[in-house]
Amino acid sequence: MPGPIEKYLTRRQLVEFLNDHGYPLSFSTLSKLCMPSRNEGPPSVGRWANRDLYEPSKALAWARSRFRLTARAA
């Protein structure tokens, strides 16, 4: 039997997951980033019906890669 299966998240669930992990992001912003014309959103694992599904670990890595530290004023 294969190992444990990671639960896939819908886009709405992904927003809650990222917010819980300290990355404030709205559903609207994530939807805009995931539009085919922008293609800047997290990588989807696949589609179920008309919904993209995401792996939490890959989405968290995506959020970390977009995080930038700002320089503090002296």
C-alpha atoms as a PDB file:
ATOM      1  CA  MET A   1       0.000   0.000   0.000  1.00  0.00           C
ATOM      2  CA  PRO A   2       1.393   3.449  -0.881  1.00  0.00           C
ATOM      3  CA  GLY A   3       2.246   6.056   1.760  1.00  0.00           C
ATOM      4  CA  PRO A   4      -0.151   8.642   3.195  1.00  0.00           C
ATOM      5  CA  ILE A   5      -2.029  10.756   0.680  1.00  0.00           C
ATOM      6  CA  GLU A   6      -1.727  14.510   1.015  1.00  0.00           C
ATOM      7  CA  LYS A   7      -5.083  16.256   0.914  1.00  0.00           C
ATOM      8  CA  TYR A   8      -5.507  18.563  -2.064  1.00  0.00           C
ATOM      9  CA  LEU A   9      -6.992  22.009  -1.518  1.00  0.00           C
ATOM     10  CA  THR A  10      -9.376  24.069  -3.605  1.00  0.00           C
ATOM     11  CA  ARG A  11      -8.474  27.703  -4.216  1.00  0.00           C
ATOM     12  CA  ARG A  12     -10.724  28.906  -1.367  1.00  0.00           C
ATOM     13  CA  GLN A  13      -9.185  26.370   1.020  1.00  0.00           C
ATOM     14  CA  LEU A  14      -5.730  27.383  -0.168  1.00  0.00           C
ATOM     15  CA  VAL A  15      -6.386  31.020   0.789  1.00  0.00           C
ATOM     16  CA  GLU A  16      -7.272  29.940   4.338  1.00  0.00           C
ATOM     17  CA  PHE A  17      -4.232  27.656   4.491  1.00  0.00           C
ATOM     18  CA  LEU A  18      -1.834  30.405   3.389  1.00  0.00           C
ATOM     19  CA  ASN A  19      -3.418  32.935   5.754  1.00  0.00           C
ATOM     20  CA  ASP A  20      -3.007  30.475   8.636  1.00  0.00           C
ATOM     21  CA  HIS A  21       0.677  30.160   7.745  1.00  0.00           C
ATOM     22  CA  GLY A  22       1.291  33.919   7.797  1.00  0.00           C
ATOM     23  CA  TYR A  23       0.826  34.827   4.141  1.00  0.00           C
ATOM     24  CA  PRO A  24      -2.079  37.300   3.951  1.00  0.00           C
ATOM     25  CA  LEU A  25      -3.765  36.772   0.617  1.00  0.00           C
ATOM     26  CA  SER A  26      -7.344  37.281  -0.496  1.00  0.00           C
ATOM     27  CA  PHE A  27      -9.311  34.951  -2.722  1.00  0.00           C
ATOM     28  CA  SER A  28      -9.615  37.688  -5.328  1.00  0.00           C
ATOM     29  CA  THR A  29      -5.857  38.278  -5.480  1.00  0.00           C
ATOM     30  CA  LEU A  30      -5.111  34.565  -5.744  1.00  0.00           C
ATOM     31  CA  SER A  31      -7.693  34.181  -8.508  1.00  0.00           C
ATOM     32  CA  LYS A  32      -6.089  37.021 -10.449  1.00  0.00           C
ATOM     33  CA  LEU A  33      -2.623  35.498 -10.045  1.00  0.00           C
ATOM     34  CA  CYS A  34      -3.943  32.154 -11.313  1.00  0.00           C
ATOM     35  CA  MET A  35      -5.546  33.574 -14.454  1.00  0.00           C
ATOM     36  CA  PRO A  36      -4.052  32.004 -17.599  1.00  0.00           C
ATOM     37  CA  SER A  37      -3.057  35.446 -18.870  1.00  0.00           C
ATOM     38  CA  ARG A  38      -0.903  36.045 -15.756  1.00  0.00           C
ATOM     39  CA  ASN A  39       0.090  32.483 -14.793  1.00  0.00           C
ATOM     40  CA  GLU A  40       1.768  33.647 -11.553  1.00  0.00           C
ATOM     41  CA  GLY A  41      -0.179  31.501  -9.105  1.00  0.00           C
ATOM     42  CA  PRO A  42       0.892  28.363  -7.293  1.00  0.00           C
ATOM     43  CA  PRO A  43       1.244  25.212  -9.379  1.00  0.00           C
ATOM     44  CA  SER A  44      -1.926  23.152  -9.503  1.00  0.00           C
ATOM     45  CA  VAL A  45      -1.775  19.392  -9.211  1.00  0.00           C
ATOM     46  CA  GLY A  46      -4.750  18.842 -11.467  1.00  0.00           C
ATOM     47  CA  ARG A  47      -8.388  19.633 -11.998  1.00  0.00           C
ATOM     48  CA  TRP A  48     -11.533  18.098 -10.600  1.00  0.00           C
ATOM     49  CA  ALA A  49     -14.574  19.232 -12.587  1.00  0.00           C
ATOM     50  CA  ASN A  50     -13.889  22.943 -13.094  1.00  0.00           C
ATOM     51  CA  ARG A  51     -11.689  23.434 -10.003  1.00  0.00           C
ATOM     52  CA  ASP A  52      -7.939  23.507  -9.801  1.00  0.00           C
ATOM     53  CA  LEU A  53      -6.538  21.525  -6.879  1.00  0.00           C
ATOM     54  CA  TYR A  54      -3.323  22.381  -5.060  1.00  0.00           C
ATOM     55  CA  GLU A  55      -0.840  20.540  -2.855  1.00  0.00           C
ATOM     56  CA  PRO A  56      -0.385  22.453   0.403  1.00  0.00           C
ATOM     57  CA  SER A  57       3.382  21.887   0.523  1.00  0.00           C
ATOM     58  CA  LYS A  58       3.927  23.170  -3.028  1.00  0.00           C
ATOM     59  CA  ALA A  59       1.656  26.151  -2.460  1.00  0.00           C
ATOM     60  CA  LEU A  60       3.559  27.043   0.707  1.00  0.00           C
ATOM     61  CA  ALA A  61       6.848  26.839  -1.203  1.00  0.00           C
ATOM     62  CA  TRP A  62       5.328  29.124  -3.856  1.00  0.00           C
ATOM     63  CA  ALA A  63       4.315  31.680  -1.195  1.00  0.00           C
ATOM     64  CA  ARG A  64       7.790  31.561   0.368  1.00  0.00           C
ATOM     65  CA  SER A  65       9.386  32.175  -3.033  1.00  0.00           C
ATOM     66  CA  ARG A  66       7.270  35.323  -3.518  1.00  0.00           C
ATOM     67  CA  PHE A  67       8.138  36.729  -0.090  1.00  0.00           C
ATOM     68  CA  ARG A  68      10.654  39.563  -0.157  1.00  0.00           C
ATOM     69  CA  LEU A  69      12.294  41.299   2.777  1.00  0.00           C
ATOM     70  CA  THR A  70      12.308  45.070   2.668  1.00  0.00           C
ATOM     71  CA  ALA A  71      15.281  47.189   3.630  1.00  0.00           C
ATOM     72  CA  ARG A  72      14.818  48.995   6.913  1.00  0.00           C
ATOM     73  CA  ALA A  73      15.507  52.687   7.133  1.00  0.00           C
ATOM     74  CA  ALA A  74      18.535  53.497   9.261  1.00  0.00           C
END
